[in-house]
């Protein structure tokens, strides 16, 4: 029986070591963008991951605005603050540079600053109606796969996580540069890696929208992640392991963006929102119980008449006759 499905992902994905500044500058020129806004966090700034890119932008006379107030599980207030800054700067391009939180924030800033949309009206699936500004995403962790997903997660004032899901949020360009992940601490490498592995696991075992493309991506993602996570944790400067983790997380992101995650993430989100547990760790905590719950129980089968007749019959001894 034939079945129909749709597969969507980012317009362009570039895997390149140490070329982020060059590529961003060249792609901006192609789009004729001159006022980019970079959405990132204080950790990225402190680690100097943006230094080369900002230097190249300065040499190209690009007017750059940097918003570095993003925190883990960013709130709606942080998103709106960044949107206001982008509007004041008349940004014509948004670059998400960092982990999943920075990339999610960048998606929403590109949408809200480039249209008349309001954040409270776009929560949910398919609620986005307006257009966005051009959007580039550069992950510095190997976990969320946000650079290839149409999803952005926001923590509301009530401490609840809400999502915006729309193909409009898929970026024009995602750059995977392993050199940006070399400085990740071991515990962050482990947590983000587990997050990516859960993405692959849930996409592969999902019944909703599961398709041959998502299955293929999920399997390859799990192969790359499982074979490289230990080395990436123990030998953080191994660029091959780091790059394989980035690609694995990206493939897992493409898989779950098209065959959605399920109970593991549904339970992990409130744990993270309420207790501020890292997302990968909260996934790891609930993964085993959910998998145990989902294991199908064997259903005893009733043998057919033919099977019963084919079974060897037990011989019974004749009863001993006794007389009076």
C-alpha atoms as a PDB file:
ATOM      1  CA  UNK A   1       0.000   0.000   0.000  1.00  0.00           C
ATOM      2  CA  UNK A   2       1.406   3.399  -0.948  1.00  0.00           C
ATOM      3  CA  UNK A   3       1.492   6.180   1.621  1.00  0.00           C
ATOM      4  CA  UNK A   4       2.079   9.880   1.296  1.00  0.00           C
ATOM      5  CA  UNK A   5       4.299  11.993   3.526  1.00  0.00           C
ATOM      6  CA  UNK A   6       6.151  15.283   3.440  1.00  0.00           C
ATOM      7  CA  UNK A   7       9.733  15.832   4.566  1.00  0.00           C
ATOM      8  CA  UNK A   8      10.970  19.349   5.327  1.00  0.00           C
ATOM      9  CA  UNK A   9      14.311  20.647   6.558  1.00  0.00           C
ATOM     10  CA  UNK A  10      16.637  23.646   6.352  1.00  0.00           C
ATOM     11  CA  UNK A  11      17.296  25.105   2.921  1.00  0.00           C
ATOM     12  CA  UNK A  12      21.084  24.659   3.092  1.00  0.00           C
ATOM     13  CA  UNK A  13      23.439  22.836   5.474  1.00  0.00           C
ATOM     14  CA  UNK A  14      27.182  23.456   5.382  1.00  0.00           C
ATOM     15  CA  UNK A  15      29.716  21.267   7.218  1.00  0.00           C
ATOM     16  CA  UNK A  16      33.031  23.097   7.445  1.00  0.00           C
ATOM     17  CA  UNK A  17      35.799  23.411  10.017  1.00  0.00           C
ATOM     18  CA  UNK A  18      36.871  26.902  11.018  1.00  0.00           C
ATOM     19  CA  UNK A  19      35.136  28.774   8.216  1.00  0.00           C
ATOM     20  CA  UNK A  20      32.123  30.296   9.956  1.00  0.00           C
ATOM     21  CA  UNK A  21      33.221  33.921   9.606  1.00  0.00           C
ATOM     22  CA  UNK A  22      34.076  33.534   5.906  1.00  0.00           C
ATOM     23  CA  UNK A  23      30.863  31.714   5.097  1.00  0.00           C
ATOM     24  CA  UNK A  24      28.574  34.066   7.007  1.00  0.00           C
ATOM     25  CA  UNK A  25      30.156  37.095   5.356  1.00  0.00           C
ATOM     26  CA  UNK A  26      29.851  35.557   1.879  1.00  0.00           C
ATOM     27  CA  UNK A  27      26.241  34.434   2.391  1.00  0.00           C
ATOM     28  CA  UNK A  28      25.255  37.853   3.738  1.00  0.00           C
ATOM     29  CA  UNK A  29      26.670  39.486   0.648  1.00  0.00           C
ATOM     30  CA  UNK A  30      24.626  37.124  -1.534  1.00  0.00           C
ATOM     31  CA  UNK A  31      21.448  38.204   0.271  1.00  0.00           C
ATOM     32  CA  UNK A  32      22.569  41.854   0.301  1.00  0.00           C
ATOM     33  CA  UNK A  33      22.186  41.999   4.094  1.00  0.00           C
ATOM     34  CA  UNK A  34      24.194  44.691   5.911  1.00  0.00           C
ATOM     35  CA  UNK A  35      22.741  44.829   9.435  1.00  0.00           C
ATOM     36  CA  UNK A  36      22.839  41.379  11.015  1.00  0.00           C
ATOM     37  CA  UNK A  37      21.753  40.749  14.581  1.00  0.00           C
ATOM     38  CA  UNK A  38      23.518  37.892  16.391  1.00  0.00           C
ATOM     39  CA  UNK A  39      21.518  36.086  19.083  1.00  0.00           C
ATOM     40  CA  UNK A  40      23.760  34.273  21.546  1.00  0.00           C
ATOM     41  CA  UNK A  41      24.574  33.820  25.241  1.00  0.00           C
ATOM     42  CA  UNK A  42      27.200  35.070  27.655  1.00  0.00           C
ATOM     43  CA  UNK A  43      29.052  31.741  27.603  1.00  0.00           C
ATOM     44  CA  UNK A  44      29.700  31.984  23.868  1.00  0.00           C
ATOM     45  CA  UNK A  45      31.006  35.534  24.286  1.00  0.00           C
ATOM     46  CA  UNK A  46      33.232  34.545  27.212  1.00  0.00           C
ATOM     47  CA  UNK A  47      34.665  31.578  25.307  1.00  0.00           C
ATOM     48  CA  UNK A  48      35.613  33.872  22.412  1.00  0.00           C
ATOM     49  CA  UNK A  49      33.684  31.797  19.867  1.00  0.00           C
ATOM     50  CA  UNK A  50      32.366  34.915  18.166  1.00  0.00           C
ATOM     51  CA  UNK A  51      35.650  36.822  17.996  1.00  0.00           C
ATOM     52  CA  UNK A  52      36.701  35.712  14.527  1.00  0.00           C
ATOM     53  CA  UNK A  53      33.249  36.268  13.045  1.00  0.00           C
ATOM     54  CA  UNK A  54      32.915  39.753  14.537  1.00  0.00           C
ATOM     55  CA  UNK A  55      36.387  40.685  13.256  1.00  0.00           C
ATOM     56  CA  UNK A  56      35.476  39.606   9.742  1.00  0.00           C
ATOM     57  CA  UNK A  57      32.195  41.517   9.899  1.00  0.00           C
ATOM     58  CA  UNK A  58      34.103  44.637  10.990  1.00  0.00           C
ATOM     59  CA  UNK A  59      36.560  44.295   8.098  1.00  0.00           C
ATOM     60  CA  UNK A  60      33.613  44.006   5.721  1.00  0.00           C
ATOM     61  CA  UNK A  61      32.071  47.167   7.248  1.00  0.00           C
ATOM     62  CA  UNK A  62      29.016  45.215   8.421  1.00  0.00           C
ATOM     63  CA  UNK A  63      26.938  46.904  11.136  1.00  0.00           C
ATOM     64  CA  UNK A  64      26.528  44.121  13.670  1.00  0.00           C
ATOM     65  CA  UNK A  65      24.288  44.063  16.742  1.00  0.00           C
ATOM     66  CA  UNK A  66      24.929  41.350  19.346  1.00  0.00           C
ATOM     67  CA  UNK A  67      22.240  40.252  21.799  1.00  0.00           C
ATOM     68  CA  UNK A  68      23.876  38.005  24.409  1.00  0.00           C
ATOM     69  CA  UNK A  69      21.163  37.860  27.073  1.00  0.00           C
ATOM     70  CA  UNK A  70      19.886  34.406  26.133  1.00  0.00           C
ATOM     71  CA  UNK A  71      19.837  31.903  29.010  1.00  0.00           C
ATOM     72  CA  UNK A  72      18.887  28.239  29.166  1.00  0.00           C
ATOM     73  CA  UNK A  73      15.156  27.787  28.581  1.00  0.00           C
ATOM     74  CA  UNK A  74      14.731  31.443  27.519  1.00  0.00           C
ATOM     75  CA  UNK A  75      11.652  33.247  28.752  1.00  0.00           C
ATOM     76  CA  UNK A  76       9.133  35.130  26.650  1.00  0.00           C
ATOM     77  CA  UNK A  77      10.451  38.349  28.225  1.00  0.00           C
ATOM     78  CA  UNK A  78      13.962  37.668  26.867  1.00  0.00           C
ATOM     79  CA  UNK A  79      12.548  36.964  23.403  1.00  0.00           C
ATOM     80  CA  UNK A  80      10.571  40.207  23.346  1.00  0.00           C
ATOM     81  CA  UNK A  81      13.599  42.157  24.589  1.00  0.00           C
ATOM     82  CA  UNK A  82      15.656  40.822  21.670  1.00  0.00           C
ATOM     83  CA  UNK A  83      12.857  41.582  19.209  1.00  0.00           C
ATOM     84  CA  UNK A  84      12.685  45.186  20.368  1.00  0.00           C
ATOM     85  CA  UNK A  85      16.450  45.551  19.966  1.00  0.00           C
ATOM     86  CA  UNK A  86      16.309  44.043  16.474  1.00  0.00           C
ATOM     87  CA  UNK A  87      13.592  46.485  15.435  1.00  0.00           C
ATOM     88  CA  UNK A  88      15.491  49.483  16.795  1.00  0.00           C
ATOM     89  CA  UNK A  89      18.618  48.385  14.912  1.00  0.00           C
ATOM     90  CA  UNK A  90      16.579  47.744  11.740  1.00  0.00           C
ATOM     91  CA  UNK A  91      18.227  44.325  11.488  1.00  0.00           C
ATOM     92  CA  UNK A  92      17.880  42.708   8.067  1.00  0.00           C
ATOM     93  CA  UNK A  93      19.287  39.299   9.092  1.00  0.00           C
ATOM     94  CA  UNK A  94      19.237  37.209  12.281  1.00  0.00           C
ATOM     95  CA  UNK A  95      22.063  34.812  13.187  1.00  0.00           C
ATOM     96  CA  UNK A  96      21.535  32.300  15.990  1.00  0.00           C
ATOM     97  CA  UNK A  97      24.953  31.418  17.375  1.00  0.00           C
ATOM     98  CA  UNK A  98      25.078  28.976  20.287  1.00  0.00           C
ATOM     99  CA  UNK A  99      23.106  26.119  21.768  1.00  0.00           C
ATOM    100  CA  UNK A 100      19.471  25.242  21.275  1.00  0.00           C
ATOM    101  CA  UNK A 101      18.223  28.137  23.392  1.00  0.00           C
ATOM    102  CA  UNK A 102      20.061  30.730  21.292  1.00  0.00           C
ATOM    103  CA  UNK A 103      18.918  29.159  18.040  1.00  0.00           C
ATOM    104  CA  UNK A 104      15.296  28.904  19.217  1.00  0.00           C
ATOM    105  CA  UNK A 105      15.401  32.537  20.300  1.00  0.00           C
ATOM    106  CA  UNK A 106      16.870  33.556  16.935  1.00  0.00           C
ATOM    107  CA  UNK A 107      14.041  31.830  15.077  1.00  0.00           C
ATOM    108  CA  UNK A 108      11.428  33.785  17.002  1.00  0.00           C
ATOM    109  CA  UNK A 109      13.309  37.073  16.727  1.00  0.00           C
ATOM    110  CA  UNK A 110      13.545  36.626  12.951  1.00  0.00           C
ATOM    111  CA  UNK A 111       9.806  35.958  12.824  1.00  0.00           C
ATOM    112  CA  UNK A 112       8.563  38.665  15.174  1.00  0.00           C
ATOM    113  CA  UNK A 113      10.956  41.383  13.984  1.00  0.00           C
ATOM    114  CA  UNK A 114      10.173  40.636  10.362  1.00  0.00           C
ATOM    115  CA  UNK A 115       6.381  40.617  10.623  1.00  0.00           C
ATOM    116  CA  UNK A 116       3.380  41.878  12.595  1.00  0.00           C
ATOM    117  CA  UNK A 117       3.056  38.592  14.461  1.00  0.00           C
ATOM    118  CA  UNK A 118       2.704  38.577  18.254  1.00  0.00           C
ATOM    119  CA  UNK A 119       4.349  35.882  20.361  1.00  0.00           C
ATOM    120  CA  UNK A 120       1.195  34.935  22.260  1.00  0.00           C
ATOM    121  CA  UNK A 121      -0.663  34.210  19.013  1.00  0.00           C
ATOM    122  CA  UNK A 122       1.867  31.839  17.419  1.00  0.00           C
ATOM    123  CA  UNK A 123       2.136  29.193  20.153  1.00  0.00           C
ATOM    124  CA  UNK A 124       1.128  25.799  18.814  1.00  0.00           C
ATOM    125  CA  UNK A 125       1.357  24.027  15.476  1.00  0.00           C
ATOM    126  CA  UNK A 126       0.856  25.945  12.243  1.00  0.00           C
ATOM    127  CA  UNK A 127      -0.150  29.220  13.883  1.00  0.00           C
ATOM    128  CA  UNK A 128       2.501  31.359  12.129  1.00  0.00           C
ATOM    129  CA  UNK A 129       1.059  33.464   9.323  1.00  0.00           C
ATOM    130  CA  UNK A 130       3.697  36.140   8.682  1.00  0.00           C
ATOM    131  CA  UNK A 131       7.116  36.100   7.063  1.00  0.00           C
ATOM    132  CA  UNK A 132      10.469  36.256   8.814  1.00  0.00           C
ATOM    133  CA  UNK A 133      13.801  37.955   8.275  1.00  0.00           C
ATOM    134  CA  UNK A 134      16.594  35.902   6.663  1.00  0.00           C
ATOM    135  CA  UNK A 135      17.900  33.438   9.246  1.00  0.00           C
ATOM    136  CA  UNK A 136      21.256  31.678   9.701  1.00  0.00           C
ATOM    137  CA  UNK A 137      21.904  29.201  12.539  1.00  0.00           C
ATOM    138  CA  UNK A 138      25.285  28.096  13.898  1.00  0.00           C
ATOM    139  CA  UNK A 139      25.174  25.423  16.654  1.00  0.00           C
ATOM    140  CA  UNK A 140      27.943  25.321  19.259  1.00  0.00           C
ATOM    141  CA  UNK A 141      26.650  22.151  20.943  1.00  0.00           C
ATOM    142  CA  UNK A 142      25.841  18.728  19.512  1.00  0.00           C
ATOM    143  CA  UNK A 143      22.384  18.032  20.828  1.00  0.00           C
ATOM    144  CA  UNK A 144      19.237  19.956  20.013  1.00  0.00           C
ATOM    145  CA  UNK A 145      19.350  19.820  16.233  1.00  0.00           C
ATOM    146  CA  UNK A 146      17.533  23.146  16.333  1.00  0.00           C
ATOM    147  CA  UNK A 147      19.378  24.230  13.195  1.00  0.00           C
ATOM    148  CA  UNK A 148      17.172  21.871  11.158  1.00  0.00           C
ATOM    149  CA  UNK A 149      13.871  21.906  13.061  1.00  0.00           C
ATOM    150  CA  UNK A 150      10.787  24.117  12.621  1.00  0.00           C
ATOM    151  CA  UNK A 151      10.384  24.365  16.381  1.00  0.00           C
ATOM    152  CA  UNK A 152      11.170  27.010  19.012  1.00  0.00           C
ATOM    153  CA  UNK A 153      10.573  26.444  22.726  1.00  0.00           C
ATOM    154  CA  UNK A 154       9.794  29.302  25.118  1.00  0.00           C
ATOM    155  CA  UNK A 155       9.387  29.381  28.896  1.00  0.00           C
ATOM    156  CA  UNK A 156       6.395  31.521  29.778  1.00  0.00           C
ATOM    157  CA  UNK A 157       6.024  33.697  32.856  1.00  0.00           C
ATOM    158  CA  UNK A 158       4.090  30.903  34.546  1.00  0.00           C
ATOM    159  CA  UNK A 159       7.108  28.564  34.320  1.00  0.00           C
ATOM    160  CA  UNK A 160       5.487  26.569  31.544  1.00  0.00           C
ATOM    161  CA  UNK A 161       7.211  25.592  28.318  1.00  0.00           C
ATOM    162  CA  UNK A 162       5.368  26.366  25.101  1.00  0.00           C
ATOM    163  CA  UNK A 163       6.341  25.658  21.529  1.00  0.00           C
ATOM    164  CA  UNK A 164       6.010  27.421  18.204  1.00  0.00           C
ATOM    165  CA  UNK A 165       5.973  24.938  15.329  1.00  0.00           C
ATOM    166  CA  UNK A 166       6.050  26.176  11.742  1.00  0.00           C
ATOM    167  CA  UNK A 167       8.104  25.496   8.617  1.00  0.00           C
ATOM    168  CA  UNK A 168       8.665  29.268   8.514  1.00  0.00           C
ATOM    169  CA  UNK A 169      11.163  28.806  11.356  1.00  0.00           C
ATOM    170  CA  UNK A 170      13.463  26.588   9.286  1.00  0.00           C
ATOM    171  CA  UNK A 171      16.609  28.627   8.550  1.00  0.00           C
ATOM    172  CA  UNK A 172      18.053  29.592   5.206  1.00  0.00           C
ATOM    173  CA  UNK A 173      21.466  28.272   6.259  1.00  0.00           C
ATOM    174  CA  UNK A 174      22.853  26.022   8.983  1.00  0.00           C
ATOM    175  CA  UNK A 175      26.620  25.840   9.495  1.00  0.00           C
ATOM    176  CA  UNK A 176      28.158  22.880  11.351  1.00  0.00           C
ATOM    177  CA  UNK A 177      31.670  23.798  12.467  1.00  0.00           C
ATOM    178  CA  UNK A 178      33.265  21.259  14.802  1.00  0.00           C
ATOM    179  CA  UNK A 179      35.906  23.747  16.009  1.00  0.00           C
ATOM    180  CA  UNK A 180      33.153  25.655  17.834  1.00  0.00           C
ATOM    181  CA  UNK A 181      32.371  22.623  20.034  1.00  0.00           C
ATOM    182  CA  UNK A 182      35.920  21.786  21.129  1.00  0.00           C
ATOM    183  CA  UNK A 183      35.691  23.784  24.343  1.00  0.00           C
ATOM    184  CA  UNK A 184      32.467  22.188  25.562  1.00  0.00           C
ATOM    185  CA  UNK A 185      32.787  20.793  29.111  1.00  0.00           C
ATOM    186  CA  UNK A 186      32.387  17.048  29.468  1.00  0.00           C
ATOM    187  CA  UNK A 187      29.041  17.224  31.277  1.00  0.00           C
ATOM    188  CA  UNK A 188      27.580  19.480  28.559  1.00  0.00           C
ATOM    189  CA  UNK A 189      28.932  17.203  25.819  1.00  0.00           C
ATOM    190  CA  UNK A 190      27.311  14.213  27.524  1.00  0.00           C
ATOM    191  CA  UNK A 191      23.953  15.887  28.193  1.00  0.00           C
ATOM    192  CA  UNK A 192      23.567  17.341  24.706  1.00  0.00           C
ATOM    193  CA  UNK A 193      24.684  14.070  23.154  1.00  0.00           C
ATOM    194  CA  UNK A 194      22.044  12.155  25.106  1.00  0.00           C
ATOM    195  CA  UNK A 195      19.438  14.693  23.959  1.00  0.00           C
ATOM    196  CA  UNK A 196      20.339  13.967  20.333  1.00  0.00           C
ATOM    197  CA  UNK A 197      20.239  10.205  20.932  1.00  0.00           C
ATOM    198  CA  UNK A 198      16.750  10.520  22.425  1.00  0.00           C
ATOM    199  CA  UNK A 199      15.669  12.502  19.354  1.00  0.00           C
ATOM    200  CA  UNK A 200      16.812   9.629  17.144  1.00  0.00           C
ATOM    201  CA  UNK A 201      15.249   6.977  19.382  1.00  0.00           C
ATOM    202  CA  UNK A 202      11.856   8.655  19.601  1.00  0.00           C
ATOM    203  CA  UNK A 203      11.743   9.512  15.892  1.00  0.00           C
ATOM    204  CA  UNK A 204      12.512   5.890  15.013  1.00  0.00           C
ATOM    205  CA  UNK A 205       9.972   4.385  17.424  1.00  0.00           C
ATOM    206  CA  UNK A 206       7.270   6.983  16.807  1.00  0.00           C
ATOM    207  CA  UNK A 207       4.069   5.875  15.086  1.00  0.00           C
ATOM    208  CA  UNK A 208       3.020   9.394  14.137  1.00  0.00           C
ATOM    209  CA  UNK A 209       4.333  10.615  10.752  1.00  0.00           C
ATOM    210  CA  UNK A 210       7.083   7.976  10.760  1.00  0.00           C
ATOM    211  CA  UNK A 211       8.484   7.552   7.240  1.00  0.00           C
ATOM    212  CA  UNK A 212      11.416   5.871   5.446  1.00  0.00           C
ATOM    213  CA  UNK A 213      13.476   9.087   5.305  1.00  0.00           C
ATOM    214  CA  UNK A 214      13.152   9.808   9.027  1.00  0.00           C
ATOM    215  CA  UNK A 215      13.968   6.163   9.809  1.00  0.00           C
ATOM    216  CA  UNK A 216      17.112   6.284   7.692  1.00  0.00           C
ATOM    217  CA  UNK A 217      18.268   9.529   9.327  1.00  0.00           C
ATOM    218  CA  UNK A 218      17.497   8.281  12.841  1.00  0.00           C
ATOM    219  CA  UNK A 219      19.514   5.079  12.343  1.00  0.00           C
ATOM    220  CA  UNK A 220      22.532   6.909  10.957  1.00  0.00           C
ATOM    221  CA  UNK A 221      22.263   9.527  13.701  1.00  0.00           C
ATOM    222  CA  UNK A 222      22.299   6.847  16.392  1.00  0.00           C
ATOM    223  CA  UNK A 223      25.288   5.152  14.753  1.00  0.00           C
ATOM    224  CA  UNK A 224      27.326   8.360  14.686  1.00  0.00           C
ATOM    225  CA  UNK A 225      26.306   9.461  18.171  1.00  0.00           C
ATOM    226  CA  UNK A 226      26.780   6.106  19.890  1.00  0.00           C
ATOM    227  CA  UNK A 227      30.197   5.554  18.289  1.00  0.00           C
ATOM    228  CA  UNK A 228      31.556   9.016  19.124  1.00  0.00           C
ATOM    229  CA  UNK A 229      29.993  10.281  22.362  1.00  0.00           C
ATOM    230  CA  UNK A 230      32.520   8.541  24.634  1.00  0.00           C
ATOM    231  CA  UNK A 231      35.498   9.859  22.692  1.00  0.00           C
ATOM    232  CA  UNK A 232      34.020  13.353  22.491  1.00  0.00           C
ATOM    233  CA  UNK A 233      33.639  13.344  26.279  1.00  0.00           C
ATOM    234  CA  UNK A 234      37.050  11.875  27.064  1.00  0.00           C
ATOM    235  CA  UNK A 235      39.046  13.588  24.318  1.00  0.00           C
ATOM    236  CA  UNK A 236      37.268  16.880  23.730  1.00  0.00           C
ATOM    237  CA  UNK A 237      39.771  18.203  21.185  1.00  0.00           C
ATOM    238  CA  UNK A 238      39.213  15.281  18.790  1.00  0.00           C
ATOM    239  CA  UNK A 239      37.742  17.101  15.802  1.00  0.00           C
ATOM    240  CA  UNK A 240      36.597  13.929  14.066  1.00  0.00           C
ATOM    241  CA  UNK A 241      34.547  12.845  17.071  1.00  0.00           C
ATOM    242  CA  UNK A 242      33.223  16.373  17.535  1.00  0.00           C
ATOM    243  CA  UNK A 243      32.207  16.647  13.888  1.00  0.00           C
ATOM    244  CA  UNK A 244      30.518  13.244  13.935  1.00  0.00           C
ATOM    245  CA  UNK A 245      28.546  14.343  16.998  1.00  0.00           C
ATOM    246  CA  UNK A 246      27.470  17.539  15.229  1.00  0.00           C
ATOM    247  CA  UNK A 247      26.377  15.647  12.130  1.00  0.00           C
ATOM    248  CA  UNK A 248      24.643  12.998  14.228  1.00  0.00           C
ATOM    249  CA  UNK A 249      22.721  15.640  16.178  1.00  0.00           C
ATOM    250  CA  UNK A 250      21.772  17.329  12.914  1.00  0.00           C
ATOM    251  CA  UNK A 251      20.484  14.077  11.388  1.00  0.00           C
ATOM    252  CA  UNK A 252      18.532  13.313  14.561  1.00  0.00           C
ATOM    253  CA  UNK A 253      17.063  16.814  14.394  1.00  0.00           C
ATOM    254  CA  UNK A 254      15.907  16.243  10.824  1.00  0.00           C
ATOM    255  CA  UNK A 255      14.404  12.904  11.841  1.00  0.00           C
ATOM    256  CA  UNK A 256      12.368  14.143  14.800  1.00  0.00           C
ATOM    257  CA  UNK A 257      11.329  17.313  12.975  1.00  0.00           C
ATOM    258  CA  UNK A 258       9.431  15.023  10.601  1.00  0.00           C
ATOM    259  CA  UNK A 259       8.537  12.070  12.873  1.00  0.00           C
ATOM    260  CA  UNK A 260       7.923  13.811  16.200  1.00  0.00           C
ATOM    261  CA  UNK A 261       9.238  12.963  19.634  1.00  0.00           C
ATOM    262  CA  UNK A 262       6.782  11.665  22.179  1.00  0.00           C
ATOM    263  CA  UNK A 263       6.499  10.713  25.856  1.00  0.00           C
ATOM    264  CA  UNK A 264      10.177  11.123  26.795  1.00  0.00           C
ATOM    265  CA  UNK A 265      10.196  14.784  25.784  1.00  0.00           C
ATOM    266  CA  UNK A 266       6.664  15.339  27.069  1.00  0.00           C
ATOM    267  CA  UNK A 267       7.833  14.299  30.544  1.00  0.00           C
ATOM    268  CA  UNK A 268      11.262  15.918  30.290  1.00  0.00           C
ATOM    269  CA  UNK A 269       9.972  19.414  29.451  1.00  0.00           C
ATOM    270  CA  UNK A 270       8.151  20.028  32.764  1.00  0.00           C
ATOM    271  CA  UNK A 271      11.118  18.622  34.689  1.00  0.00           C
ATOM    272  CA  UNK A 272      13.378  21.138  32.982  1.00  0.00           C
ATOM    273  CA  UNK A 273      10.964  24.047  33.307  1.00  0.00           C
ATOM    274  CA  UNK A 274      10.264  23.519  37.000  1.00  0.00           C
ATOM    275  CA  UNK A 275      13.643  22.335  38.292  1.00  0.00           C
ATOM    276  CA  UNK A 276      15.961  23.845  35.620  1.00  0.00           C
ATOM    277  CA  UNK A 277      17.529  20.458  34.936  1.00  0.00           C
ATOM    278  CA  UNK A 278      19.559  20.410  31.688  1.00  0.00           C
ATOM    279  CA  UNK A 279      17.362  19.103  28.898  1.00  0.00           C
ATOM    280  CA  UNK A 280      19.625  16.178  28.015  1.00  0.00           C
ATOM    281  CA  UNK A 281      19.736  15.081  31.646  1.00  0.00           C
ATOM    282  CA  UNK A 282      15.953  15.307  32.057  1.00  0.00           C
ATOM    283  CA  UNK A 283      15.584  13.197  28.897  1.00  0.00           C
ATOM    284  CA  UNK A 284      17.995  10.613  30.281  1.00  0.00           C
ATOM    285  CA  UNK A 285      16.069  10.430  33.561  1.00  0.00           C
ATOM    286  CA  UNK A 286      12.772   9.486  31.921  1.00  0.00           C
ATOM    287  CA  UNK A 287      14.027   7.547  28.884  1.00  0.00           C
ATOM    288  CA  UNK A 288      14.273   4.101  30.476  1.00  0.00           C
ATOM    289  CA  UNK A 289      10.839   4.212  32.201  1.00  0.00           C
ATOM    290  CA  UNK A 290       9.149   5.334  28.974  1.00  0.00           C
ATOM    291  CA  UNK A 291      10.857   2.639  26.897  1.00  0.00           C
ATOM    292  CA  UNK A 292       9.826   0.003  29.466  1.00  0.00           C
ATOM    293  CA  UNK A 293       6.242   1.262  29.346  1.00  0.00           C
ATOM    294  CA  UNK A 294       6.210   1.174  25.546  1.00  0.00           C
ATOM    295  CA  UNK A 295       7.556  -2.371  25.191  1.00  0.00           C
ATOM    296  CA  UNK A 296       4.669  -4.406  23.722  1.00  0.00           C
ATOM    297  CA  UNK A 297       3.546  -7.243  25.966  1.00  0.00           C
ATOM    298  CA  UNK A 298       3.398 -10.669  24.324  1.00  0.00           C
ATOM    299  CA  UNK A 299      -0.185 -11.590  23.478  1.00  0.00           C
ATOM    300  CA  UNK A 300      -0.922 -15.286  24.056  1.00  0.00           C
ATOM    301  CA  UNK A 301      -2.187 -16.836  20.843  1.00  0.00           C
ATOM    302  CA  UNK A 302      -5.012 -19.322  20.683  1.00  0.00           C
ATOM    303  CA  UNK A 303      -3.966 -22.434  18.730  1.00  0.00           C
ATOM    304  CA  UNK A 304      -6.040 -23.350  15.701  1.00  0.00           C
ATOM    305  CA  UNK A 305      -7.777 -26.698  15.301  1.00  0.00           C
ATOM    306  CA  UNK A 306      -5.151 -27.832  12.798  1.00  0.00           C
ATOM    307  CA  UNK A 307      -2.347 -26.966  15.249  1.00  0.00           C
ATOM    308  CA  UNK A 308      -4.088 -28.915  17.994  1.00  0.00           C
ATOM    309  CA  UNK A 309      -4.487 -31.969  15.771  1.00  0.00           C
ATOM    310  CA  UNK A 310      -0.834 -31.783  14.722  1.00  0.00           C
ATOM    311  CA  UNK A 311       0.432 -31.835  18.284  1.00  0.00           C
ATOM    312  CA  UNK A 312       1.629 -35.213  19.558  1.00  0.00           C
ATOM    313  CA  UNK A 313      -1.002 -36.694  21.827  1.00  0.00           C
ATOM    314  CA  UNK A 314      -0.081 -37.886  25.282  1.00  0.00           C
ATOM    315  CA  UNK A 315      -0.681 -41.593  25.782  1.00  0.00           C
ATOM    316  CA  UNK A 316      -2.677 -42.521  28.812  1.00  0.00           C
ATOM    317  CA  UNK A 317      -2.417 -45.886  30.514  1.00  0.00           C
ATOM    318  CA  UNK A 318      -5.635 -47.941  30.406  1.00  0.00           C
ATOM    319  CA  UNK A 319      -7.338 -48.277  33.737  1.00  0.00           C
ATOM    320  CA  UNK A 320      -6.852 -51.617  35.442  1.00  0.00           C
ATOM    321  CA  UNK A 321     -10.015 -53.713  35.419  1.00  0.00           C
ATOM    322  CA  UNK A 322     -10.907 -55.314  38.721  1.00  0.00           C
ATOM    323  CA  UNK A 323     -13.596 -57.917  39.261  1.00  0.00           C
ATOM    324  CA  UNK A 324     -15.718 -58.823  42.212  1.00  0.00           C
END
